[in-house]
């Protein structure tokens, strides 16, 4: 695996999250359980991002892995 993340998809993942629940967002793009970590990063420089949902609602988690506001989509996929 290189230092650049694999682009899992070029659109965000809409996900219903629960307030106070912890999620582990895949930062490497290799996970088969996108947008969440399945351990595929092992042996690389990547690690999942631990994120706690501040409220129960639908969020859009980054699919391209290039967001500057991880794990949330910031539109970076538009520049790829």
N, C-alpha and C. Protein backbone atom coordinates (compact mmCIF):
# COMPACT_ATOMS: atom_id res chain seq x y z
N UNK A 1 0.85 -1.18 0.00
CA UNK A 1 0.00 0.00 0.00
C UNK A 1 0.90 1.24 0.00
N UNK A 2 0.59 2.19 -0.82
CA UNK A 2 1.39 3.42 -0.91
C UNK A 2 0.98 4.40 0.20
N UNK A 3 1.62 5.57 0.20
CA UNK A 3 1.30 6.60 1.19
C UNK A 3 0.01 7.33 0.88
N UNK A 4 -0.49 7.18 -0.33
CA UNK A 4 -1.75 7.82 -0.71
C UNK A 4 -2.89 6.82 -0.50
N UNK A 5 -4.00 7.30 0.03
CA UNK A 5 -5.12 6.38 0.23
C UNK A 5 -5.74 5.96 -1.09
N UNK A 6 -6.32 4.78 -1.12
CA UNK A 6 -7.07 4.32 -2.28
C UNK A 6 -8.40 5.07 -2.28
N UNK A 7 -8.82 5.53 -3.42
CA UNK A 7 -10.12 6.20 -3.52
C UNK A 7 -11.18 5.11 -3.56
N UNK A 8 -11.93 4.98 -2.47
CA UNK A 8 -12.95 3.94 -2.38
C UNK A 8 -14.11 4.24 -3.33
N UNK A 9 -14.52 5.50 -3.37
CA UNK A 9 -15.52 5.97 -4.34
C UNK A 9 -15.43 7.49 -4.38
N UNK A 10 -15.93 8.08 -5.45
CA UNK A 10 -15.79 9.53 -5.63
C UNK A 10 -17.03 10.30 -5.19
N UNK A 11 -17.83 9.67 -4.36
CA UNK A 11 -18.98 10.34 -3.74
C UNK A 11 -18.99 9.97 -2.27
N UNK A 12 -19.64 10.78 -1.43
CA UNK A 12 -19.69 10.45 0.00
C UNK A 12 -20.65 9.29 0.28
N UNK A 13 -20.49 8.71 1.46
CA UNK A 13 -21.38 7.66 1.94
C UNK A 13 -22.41 8.27 2.89
N UNK A 14 -23.70 8.26 2.54
CA UNK A 14 -24.71 8.73 3.49
C UNK A 14 -24.90 7.67 4.57
N UNK A 15 -24.76 8.06 5.83
CA UNK A 15 -24.84 7.11 6.95
C UNK A 15 -25.67 7.72 8.08
N UNK A 16 -26.59 6.94 8.60
CA UNK A 16 -27.35 7.36 9.79
C UNK A 16 -26.49 7.01 11.01
N UNK A 17 -26.13 8.01 11.79
CA UNK A 17 -25.31 7.80 12.99
C UNK A 17 -26.12 8.11 14.25
N UNK A 18 -25.69 7.51 15.37
CA UNK A 18 -26.37 7.70 16.65
C UNK A 18 -25.52 8.56 17.57
N UNK A 19 -26.14 9.52 18.22
CA UNK A 19 -25.45 10.40 19.17
C UNK A 19 -24.69 9.58 20.21
N UNK A 20 -23.43 9.94 20.42
CA UNK A 20 -22.61 9.30 21.43
C UNK A 20 -21.97 7.99 21.01
N UNK A 21 -22.36 7.44 19.85
CA UNK A 21 -21.79 6.18 19.38
C UNK A 21 -20.45 6.46 18.69
N UNK A 22 -19.49 5.56 18.89
CA UNK A 22 -18.17 5.70 18.28
C UNK A 22 -18.11 4.90 16.99
N UNK A 23 -17.53 5.52 15.98
CA UNK A 23 -17.36 4.91 14.66
C UNK A 23 -15.88 4.96 14.30
N UNK A 24 -15.45 3.99 13.51
CA UNK A 24 -14.06 3.96 13.04
C UNK A 24 -14.07 4.06 11.52
N UNK A 25 -13.77 5.26 11.02
CA UNK A 25 -13.78 5.56 9.59
C UNK A 25 -12.50 5.05 8.93
N UNK A 26 -12.64 4.38 7.82
CA UNK A 26 -11.50 3.88 7.05
C UNK A 26 -10.78 5.05 6.40
N UNK A 27 -9.48 5.20 6.69
CA UNK A 27 -8.70 6.28 6.08
C UNK A 27 -7.85 5.81 4.91
N UNK A 28 -7.69 4.48 4.77
CA UNK A 28 -6.80 3.95 3.71
C UNK A 28 -7.53 3.67 2.40
N UNK A 29 -8.84 3.46 2.48
CA UNK A 29 -9.61 3.16 1.28
C UNK A 29 -9.64 1.70 0.90
N UNK A 30 -8.98 0.84 1.67
CA UNK A 30 -8.89 -0.60 1.34
C UNK A 30 -10.01 -1.45 1.95
N UNK A 31 -10.71 -0.93 2.93
CA UNK A 31 -11.71 -1.71 3.66
C UNK A 31 -12.82 -2.22 2.74
N UNK A 32 -13.27 -3.44 3.00
CA UNK A 32 -14.41 -3.98 2.25
C UNK A 32 -15.73 -3.59 2.92
N UNK A 33 -15.65 -2.90 4.05
CA UNK A 33 -16.84 -2.47 4.79
C UNK A 33 -16.97 -0.94 4.77
N UNK A 34 -16.65 -0.32 3.66
CA UNK A 34 -16.68 1.14 3.51
C UNK A 34 -17.98 1.72 4.00
N UNK A 35 -17.96 2.86 4.65
CA UNK A 35 -16.82 3.73 4.88
C UNK A 35 -16.08 3.41 6.18
N UNK A 36 -16.37 2.24 6.76
CA UNK A 36 -15.79 1.88 8.05
C UNK A 36 -14.60 0.94 7.91
N UNK A 37 -13.77 0.92 8.93
CA UNK A 37 -12.54 0.12 8.94
C UNK A 37 -12.84 -1.36 9.12
N UNK A 38 -12.13 -2.21 8.39
CA UNK A 38 -12.20 -3.66 8.59
C UNK A 38 -10.82 -4.25 8.90
N UNK A 39 -9.82 -3.38 9.13
CA UNK A 39 -8.48 -3.84 9.46
C UNK A 39 -7.56 -3.99 8.26
N UNK A 40 -8.03 -3.65 7.07
CA UNK A 40 -7.21 -3.81 5.85
C UNK A 40 -5.95 -2.95 5.85
N UNK A 41 -5.89 -1.94 6.70
CA UNK A 41 -4.73 -1.04 6.76
C UNK A 41 -3.52 -1.67 7.45
N UNK A 42 -3.71 -2.79 8.12
CA UNK A 42 -2.61 -3.39 8.91
C UNK A 42 -1.36 -3.55 8.07
N UNK A 43 -0.22 -3.15 8.64
CA UNK A 43 1.04 -3.22 7.92
C UNK A 43 1.33 -1.99 7.08
N UNK A 44 0.44 -1.01 7.13
CA UNK A 44 0.63 0.24 6.36
C UNK A 44 0.80 1.41 7.33
N UNK A 45 0.94 2.60 6.79
CA UNK A 45 1.05 3.80 7.62
C UNK A 45 -0.32 4.36 7.99
N UNK A 46 -1.39 3.71 7.55
CA UNK A 46 -2.74 4.19 7.81
C UNK A 46 -3.32 3.61 9.09
N UNK A 47 -4.24 4.34 9.68
CA UNK A 47 -4.99 3.88 10.85
C UNK A 47 -6.40 4.43 10.73
N UNK A 48 -7.39 3.74 11.29
CA UNK A 48 -8.75 4.26 11.22
C UNK A 48 -8.88 5.51 12.07
N UNK A 49 -9.84 6.34 11.71
CA UNK A 49 -10.12 7.54 12.50
C UNK A 49 -11.28 7.24 13.43
N UNK A 50 -11.04 7.37 14.73
CA UNK A 50 -12.09 7.18 15.73
C UNK A 50 -12.91 8.46 15.78
N UNK A 51 -14.22 8.35 15.63
CA UNK A 51 -15.10 9.51 15.58
C UNK A 51 -16.37 9.21 16.37
N UNK A 52 -16.74 10.13 17.24
CA UNK A 52 -17.98 9.99 18.00
C UNK A 52 -19.03 10.93 17.44
N UNK A 53 -20.18 10.38 17.11
CA UNK A 53 -21.26 11.18 16.54
C UNK A 53 -21.80 12.15 17.59
N UNK A 54 -21.83 13.45 17.27
CA UNK A 54 -22.32 14.43 18.24
C UNK A 54 -23.85 14.42 18.37
N UNK A 55 -24.54 13.93 17.35
CA UNK A 55 -26.00 13.86 17.40
C UNK A 55 -26.49 12.75 16.47
N UNK A 56 -27.71 12.31 16.68
CA UNK A 56 -28.32 11.30 15.82
C UNK A 56 -28.84 12.00 14.58
N UNK A 57 -28.30 11.63 13.43
CA UNK A 57 -28.73 12.23 12.17
C UNK A 57 -28.02 11.54 11.01
N UNK A 58 -28.38 11.93 9.79
CA UNK A 58 -27.68 11.43 8.61
C UNK A 58 -26.46 12.33 8.37
N UNK A 59 -25.30 11.70 8.18
CA UNK A 59 -24.09 12.44 7.84
C UNK A 59 -23.56 11.87 6.53
N UNK A 60 -22.64 12.59 5.93
CA UNK A 60 -22.04 12.15 4.67
C UNK A 60 -20.55 11.94 4.92
N UNK A 61 -20.16 10.66 5.02
CA UNK A 61 -18.78 10.31 5.30
C UNK A 61 -17.99 10.24 4.00
N UNK A 62 -16.77 10.76 4.04
CA UNK A 62 -15.92 10.84 2.87
C UNK A 62 -15.65 9.47 2.26
N UNK A 63 -15.82 9.37 0.96
CA UNK A 63 -15.53 8.13 0.23
C UNK A 63 -14.23 8.19 -0.54
N UNK A 64 -13.75 9.41 -0.84
CA UNK A 64 -12.52 9.54 -1.64
C UNK A 64 -11.26 9.52 -0.78
N UNK A 65 -11.45 9.68 0.54
CA UNK A 65 -10.35 9.65 1.53
C UNK A 65 -9.42 10.85 1.44
N UNK A 66 -9.84 11.93 0.78
CA UNK A 66 -9.02 13.13 0.64
C UNK A 66 -9.60 14.34 1.37
N UNK A 67 -10.66 14.16 2.15
CA UNK A 67 -11.28 15.26 2.88
C UNK A 67 -10.30 15.91 3.86
N UNK A 68 -10.48 17.18 4.09
CA UNK A 68 -9.69 17.90 5.10
C UNK A 68 -10.49 17.98 6.41
N UNK A 69 -11.70 17.39 6.41
CA UNK A 69 -12.60 17.44 7.56
C UNK A 69 -13.01 16.01 7.96
N UNK A 70 -12.06 15.10 7.95
CA UNK A 70 -12.35 13.68 8.22
C UNK A 70 -13.08 13.48 9.53
N UNK A 71 -14.07 12.58 9.52
CA UNK A 71 -14.45 11.67 8.46
C UNK A 71 -15.51 12.23 7.51
N UNK A 72 -15.91 13.48 7.72
CA UNK A 72 -17.01 14.05 6.93
C UNK A 72 -16.53 14.54 5.56
N UNK A 73 -17.41 14.40 4.60
CA UNK A 73 -17.12 14.87 3.24
C UNK A 73 -17.01 16.39 3.23
N UNK A 74 -15.99 16.92 2.55
CA UNK A 74 -15.85 18.37 2.40
C UNK A 74 -15.86 18.79 0.93
N UNK A 75 -16.21 17.85 0.05
CA UNK A 75 -16.27 18.15 -1.38
C UNK A 75 -14.95 17.93 -2.11
N UNK A 76 -13.94 17.42 -1.42
CA UNK A 76 -12.61 17.22 -2.06
C UNK A 76 -12.69 16.30 -3.28
N UNK A 77 -13.69 15.41 -3.31
CA UNK A 77 -13.82 14.50 -4.45
C UNK A 77 -14.05 15.26 -5.76
N UNK A 78 -14.54 16.47 -5.68
CA UNK A 78 -14.77 17.28 -6.88
C UNK A 78 -13.48 17.68 -7.58
N UNK A 79 -12.36 17.65 -6.84
CA UNK A 79 -11.07 18.05 -7.39
C UNK A 79 -10.22 16.87 -7.86
N UNK A 80 -10.74 15.67 -7.74
CA UNK A 80 -9.94 14.49 -8.13
C UNK A 80 -10.04 14.19 -9.61
